[in-house]
Amino acid sequence: MTKLKVTQTRSSNRKPLPQRRTLEALGLRRIRHTVTHDDTPQIRGMIERVRHLVDVEEIED
């Protein structure tokens, strides 16, 4: 199964509340914080909403 490595690259300060909540739901807390998630449509949708704040890498499990 493919996994996604998501790293926050930009601050959530002064961003709309839904974007801040999406980062929280992804488990990201600060700049350069990295989390790993399974590649699901739900996670892909969350990443799409905050694509300007994060970097995403696909890793093979």
N, C-alpha and C. Protein backbone atom coordinates (compact mmCIF):
# COMPACT_ATOMS: atom_id res chain seq x y z
N MET A 1 0.85 -1.18 0.00
CA MET A 1 0.00 0.00 0.00
C MET A 1 0.89 1.24 0.00
N THR A 2 0.45 2.22 -0.72
CA THR A 2 1.19 3.47 -0.81
C THR A 2 0.87 4.35 0.40
N LYS A 3 1.88 5.02 0.89
CA LYS A 3 1.70 5.96 1.98
C LYS A 3 2.10 7.34 1.50
N LEU A 4 1.60 8.36 2.18
CA LEU A 4 1.91 9.74 1.86
C LEU A 4 2.66 10.38 3.02
N LYS A 5 3.77 11.00 2.71
CA LYS A 5 4.55 11.73 3.71
C LYS A 5 4.20 13.21 3.51
N VAL A 6 3.57 13.81 4.51
CA VAL A 6 3.08 15.18 4.41
C VAL A 6 3.89 16.05 5.36
N THR A 7 4.47 17.13 4.82
CA THR A 7 5.28 18.04 5.62
C THR A 7 4.70 19.45 5.50
N GLN A 8 4.48 20.10 6.64
CA GLN A 8 3.99 21.48 6.62
C GLN A 8 5.16 22.39 6.28
N THR A 9 4.98 23.24 5.26
CA THR A 9 6.06 24.11 4.81
C THR A 9 5.77 25.58 5.06
N ARG A 10 4.53 25.92 5.29
CA ARG A 10 4.17 27.32 5.52
C ARG A 10 3.29 27.42 6.75
N SER A 11 3.28 28.60 7.33
CA SER A 11 2.54 28.83 8.57
C SER A 11 1.03 28.87 8.32
N SER A 12 0.28 28.49 9.35
CA SER A 12 -1.17 28.56 9.27
C SER A 12 -1.71 29.88 9.84
N ASN A 13 -0.80 30.73 10.33
CA ASN A 13 -1.23 32.03 10.83
C ASN A 13 -1.88 32.83 9.72
N ARG A 14 -2.96 33.52 10.06
CA ARG A 14 -3.69 34.39 9.13
C ARG A 14 -4.31 33.62 7.96
N LYS A 15 -4.54 32.35 8.14
CA LYS A 15 -5.24 31.54 7.15
C LYS A 15 -6.66 31.31 7.65
N PRO A 16 -7.60 31.05 6.75
CA PRO A 16 -8.99 30.80 7.16
C PRO A 16 -9.08 29.61 8.12
N LEU A 17 -10.05 29.65 9.00
CA LEU A 17 -10.24 28.61 10.00
C LEU A 17 -10.36 27.21 9.41
N PRO A 18 -11.09 27.01 8.30
CA PRO A 18 -11.16 25.65 7.74
C PRO A 18 -9.79 25.10 7.34
N GLN A 19 -8.89 25.94 6.86
CA GLN A 19 -7.56 25.47 6.49
C GLN A 19 -6.75 25.11 7.73
N ARG A 20 -6.87 25.90 8.80
CA ARG A 20 -6.17 25.59 10.04
C ARG A 20 -6.68 24.28 10.64
N ARG A 21 -7.99 24.08 10.57
CA ARG A 21 -8.57 22.83 11.10
C ARG A 21 -8.15 21.63 10.27
N THR A 22 -8.00 21.81 8.96
CA THR A 22 -7.56 20.72 8.10
C THR A 22 -6.13 20.32 8.46
N LEU A 23 -5.26 21.29 8.70
CA LEU A 23 -3.89 20.97 9.13
C LEU A 23 -3.90 20.20 10.44
N GLU A 24 -4.74 20.63 11.38
CA GLU A 24 -4.86 19.92 12.66
C GLU A 24 -5.35 18.49 12.44
N ALA A 25 -6.33 18.32 11.55
CA ALA A 25 -6.87 16.99 11.29
C ALA A 25 -5.81 16.08 10.65
N LEU A 26 -4.92 16.66 9.87
CA LEU A 26 -3.83 15.89 9.29
C LEU A 26 -2.76 15.56 10.32
N GLY A 27 -2.79 16.22 11.47
CA GLY A 27 -1.82 15.96 12.52
C GLY A 27 -0.61 16.87 12.47
N LEU A 28 -0.68 17.93 11.66
CA LEU A 28 0.45 18.85 11.52
C LEU A 28 0.33 19.96 12.56
N ARG A 29 1.44 20.23 13.25
CA ARG A 29 1.41 21.18 14.34
C ARG A 29 2.26 22.42 14.10
N ARG A 30 3.31 22.30 13.30
CA ARG A 30 4.23 23.43 13.11
C ARG A 30 4.95 23.25 11.77
N ILE A 31 5.67 24.27 11.37
CA ILE A 31 6.43 24.23 10.13
C ILE A 31 7.52 23.16 10.26
N ARG A 32 7.74 22.41 9.19
CA ARG A 32 8.69 21.29 9.08
C ARG A 32 8.27 20.07 9.88
N HIS A 33 7.04 20.03 10.36
CA HIS A 33 6.52 18.83 11.03
C HIS A 33 6.04 17.88 9.93
N THR A 34 6.40 16.61 10.06
CA THR A 34 6.07 15.61 9.05
C THR A 34 5.23 14.50 9.66
N VAL A 35 4.20 14.08 8.93
CA VAL A 35 3.37 12.96 9.33
C VAL A 35 3.22 12.02 8.14
N THR A 36 2.88 10.77 8.43
CA THR A 36 2.67 9.77 7.38
C THR A 36 1.24 9.25 7.47
N HIS A 37 0.57 9.20 6.32
CA HIS A 37 -0.80 8.73 6.24
C HIS A 37 -0.93 7.71 5.12
N ASP A 38 -1.91 6.82 5.25
CA ASP A 38 -2.26 5.93 4.13
C ASP A 38 -2.83 6.78 3.01
N ASP A 39 -2.63 6.32 1.79
CA ASP A 39 -3.12 7.04 0.61
C ASP A 39 -4.60 6.69 0.41
N THR A 40 -5.49 7.53 0.93
CA THR A 40 -6.93 7.34 0.78
C THR A 40 -7.53 8.58 0.14
N PRO A 41 -8.72 8.46 -0.44
CA PRO A 41 -9.36 9.63 -1.04
C PRO A 41 -9.62 10.74 -0.01
N GLN A 42 -9.89 10.36 1.23
CA GLN A 42 -10.16 11.36 2.26
C GLN A 42 -8.91 12.19 2.56
N ILE A 43 -7.78 11.52 2.70
CA ILE A 43 -6.52 12.22 2.97
C ILE A 43 -6.13 13.06 1.76
N ARG A 44 -6.30 12.52 0.56
CA ARG A 44 -5.99 13.29 -0.66
C ARG A 44 -6.83 14.57 -0.72
N GLY A 45 -8.10 14.48 -0.34
CA GLY A 45 -8.97 15.66 -0.34
C GLY A 45 -8.52 16.70 0.66
N MET A 46 -8.09 16.24 1.85
CA MET A 46 -7.59 17.17 2.87
C MET A 46 -6.32 17.86 2.39
N ILE A 47 -5.43 17.10 1.76
CA ILE A 47 -4.19 17.68 1.25
C ILE A 47 -4.50 18.69 0.16
N GLU A 48 -5.48 18.41 -0.68
CA GLU A 48 -5.84 19.33 -1.76
C GLU A 48 -6.30 20.68 -1.22
N ARG A 49 -6.97 20.67 -0.08
CA ARG A 49 -7.46 21.93 0.51
C ARG A 49 -6.34 22.80 1.04
N VAL A 50 -5.21 22.18 1.42
CA VAL A 50 -4.10 22.96 1.99
C VAL A 50 -2.81 22.74 1.18
N ARG A 51 -2.95 22.49 -0.11
CA ARG A 51 -1.79 22.15 -0.94
C ARG A 51 -0.75 23.27 -0.98
N HIS A 52 -1.15 24.52 -0.73
CA HIS A 52 -0.22 25.65 -0.74
C HIS A 52 0.56 25.76 0.58
N LEU A 53 0.22 24.94 1.57
CA LEU A 53 0.88 24.99 2.88
C LEU A 53 1.73 23.75 3.16
N VAL A 54 1.63 22.72 2.31
CA VAL A 54 2.31 21.45 2.59
C VAL A 54 3.06 20.94 1.36
N ASP A 55 4.02 20.04 1.62
CA ASP A 55 4.69 19.26 0.59
C ASP A 55 4.28 17.80 0.80
N VAL A 56 4.10 17.07 -0.30
CA VAL A 56 3.65 15.68 -0.22
C VAL A 56 4.59 14.80 -1.02
N GLU A 57 4.98 13.68 -0.43
CA GLU A 57 5.79 12.67 -1.11
C GLU A 57 5.08 11.33 -0.98
N GLU A 58 5.09 10.56 -2.06
CA GLU A 58 4.56 9.20 -2.00
C GLU A 58 5.71 8.28 -1.62
N ILE A 59 5.46 7.40 -0.65
CA ILE A 59 6.46 6.42 -0.26
C ILE A 59 5.83 5.04 -0.35
N GLU A 60 6.62 4.08 -0.78
CA GLU A 60 6.13 2.71 -0.92
C GLU A 60 6.32 1.99 0.40
N ASP A 61 5.28 1.33 0.84
CA ASP A 61 5.33 0.64 2.13
C ASP A 61 5.82 -0.78 1.97
